[in-house]
Amino acid sequence: MCLGIPGEVIEILSDRPDLARVDVSGVKRAINIGLLDEGEVKPGDWVLIHVGFALSKIDEDEARAAMEFLEGIGKAYEDEIAALRESQIL
């Protein structure tokens, strides 16, 4: 199962404006924001993430609802968080 996980943007990386550091349930990782319009995302915004890419900008209510759903489905969510912890963007 493939999941989109909400993450809160912490910062846009100054040396790589196509990357942002996000917080997903306490896991902080760099993700690619290049699929979104330039300037669309800023610190404090929420994005929906899949395989290291921000697919869309979402609001905080959508993020909260998505997290509640994901936490409710159990193992698939845990697997996705584990994959996120192990991922790196070079």
Protein backbone atom coordinates (compact mmCIF):
# COMPACT_ATOMS: atom_id res chain seq x y z
CA MET A 1 0.00 0.00 0.00
CA CYS A 2 1.31 3.47 -0.87
CA LEU A 3 0.45 6.30 1.47
CA GLY A 4 0.68 10.05 1.37
CA ILE A 5 1.76 11.38 4.75
CA PRO A 6 1.28 14.96 5.96
CA GLY A 7 4.36 16.84 7.10
CA GLU A 8 4.91 20.33 8.43
CA VAL A 9 7.54 22.38 6.62
CA ILE A 10 10.26 23.52 9.00
CA GLU A 11 12.52 25.26 6.49
CA ILE A 12 13.34 25.60 2.82
CA LEU A 13 16.98 24.63 2.34
CA SER A 14 18.90 27.74 1.28
CA ASP A 15 21.42 25.88 -0.88
CA ARG A 16 18.71 23.66 -2.47
CA PRO A 17 15.44 25.61 -2.95
CA ASP A 18 13.86 22.43 -4.36
CA LEU A 19 14.22 20.79 -0.93
CA ALA A 20 12.47 21.46 2.36
CA ARG A 21 13.02 20.03 5.82
CA VAL A 22 9.75 18.70 7.23
CA ASP A 23 8.54 17.18 10.47
CA VAL A 24 6.43 14.04 10.16
CA SER A 25 5.37 12.72 13.56
CA GLY A 26 8.68 13.82 15.05
CA VAL A 27 10.80 12.51 12.17
CA LYS A 28 12.64 15.34 10.44
CA ARG A 29 13.75 14.78 6.85
CA ALA A 30 14.50 16.70 3.68
CA ILE A 31 11.91 16.20 0.96
CA ASN A 32 11.69 17.39 -2.63
CA ILE A 33 9.21 20.24 -3.19
CA GLY A 34 10.05 20.65 -6.87
CA LEU A 35 6.63 19.34 -7.98
CA LEU A 36 4.92 22.33 -6.36
CA ASP A 37 4.84 25.85 -7.76
CA GLU A 38 7.88 27.91 -6.81
CA GLY A 39 7.20 29.94 -3.68
CA GLU A 40 4.03 27.99 -2.88
CA VAL A 41 5.47 26.43 0.28
CA LYS A 42 6.94 28.22 3.28
CA PRO A 43 7.83 27.24 6.85
CA GLY A 44 4.71 26.42 8.85
CA ASP A 45 2.84 25.06 5.82
CA TRP A 46 1.68 21.45 5.57
CA VAL A 47 2.33 19.22 2.57
CA LEU A 48 1.26 15.72 1.56
CA ILE A 49 4.38 13.57 1.04
CA HIS A 50 4.84 10.38 -0.95
CA VAL A 51 8.21 8.69 -1.57
CA GLY A 52 10.11 11.81 -0.60
CA PHE A 53 8.15 14.25 -2.77
CA ALA A 54 5.62 16.87 -1.69
CA LEU A 55 2.60 16.19 -3.89
CA SER A 56 0.39 19.02 -2.68
CA LYS A 57 0.02 21.71 -0.08
CA ILE A 58 -2.72 20.98 2.47
CA ASP A 59 -4.15 22.90 5.40
CA GLU A 60 -3.68 21.97 9.04
CA ASP A 61 -7.18 20.48 9.36
CA GLU A 62 -6.52 18.18 6.37
CA ALA A 63 -3.17 17.21 7.90
CA ARG A 64 -4.78 16.38 11.24
CA ALA A 65 -7.53 14.30 9.61
CA ALA A 66 -4.99 12.43 7.47
CA MET A 67 -2.81 11.66 10.50
CA GLU A 68 -5.80 10.37 12.47
CA PHE A 69 -6.73 8.10 9.57
CA LEU A 70 -3.17 6.86 9.09
CA GLU A 71 -2.66 6.17 12.77
CA GLY A 72 -5.93 4.25 12.74
CA ILE A 73 -4.81 1.86 10.00
CA GLY A 74 -1.81 0.71 12.00
CA LYS A 75 0.90 -1.33 10.28
CA ALA A 76 0.87 0.44 6.89
CA TYR A 77 1.37 3.77 8.66
CA GLU A 78 4.12 2.34 10.86
CA ASP A 79 5.87 0.92 7.78
CA GLU A 80 5.69 4.30 6.02
CA ILE A 81 7.14 6.13 9.04
CA ALA A 82 9.92 3.53 9.28
CA ALA A 83 10.73 4.05 5.59
CA LEU A 84 10.78 7.82 6.12
CA ARG A 85 13.22 7.46 9.02
CA GLU A 86 15.60 5.47 6.81
CA SER A 87 15.31 7.68 3.73
CA GLN A 88 17.78 10.27 2.52
CA ILE A 89 17.76 12.73 -0.32
CA LEU A 90 21.23 13.25 -1.70
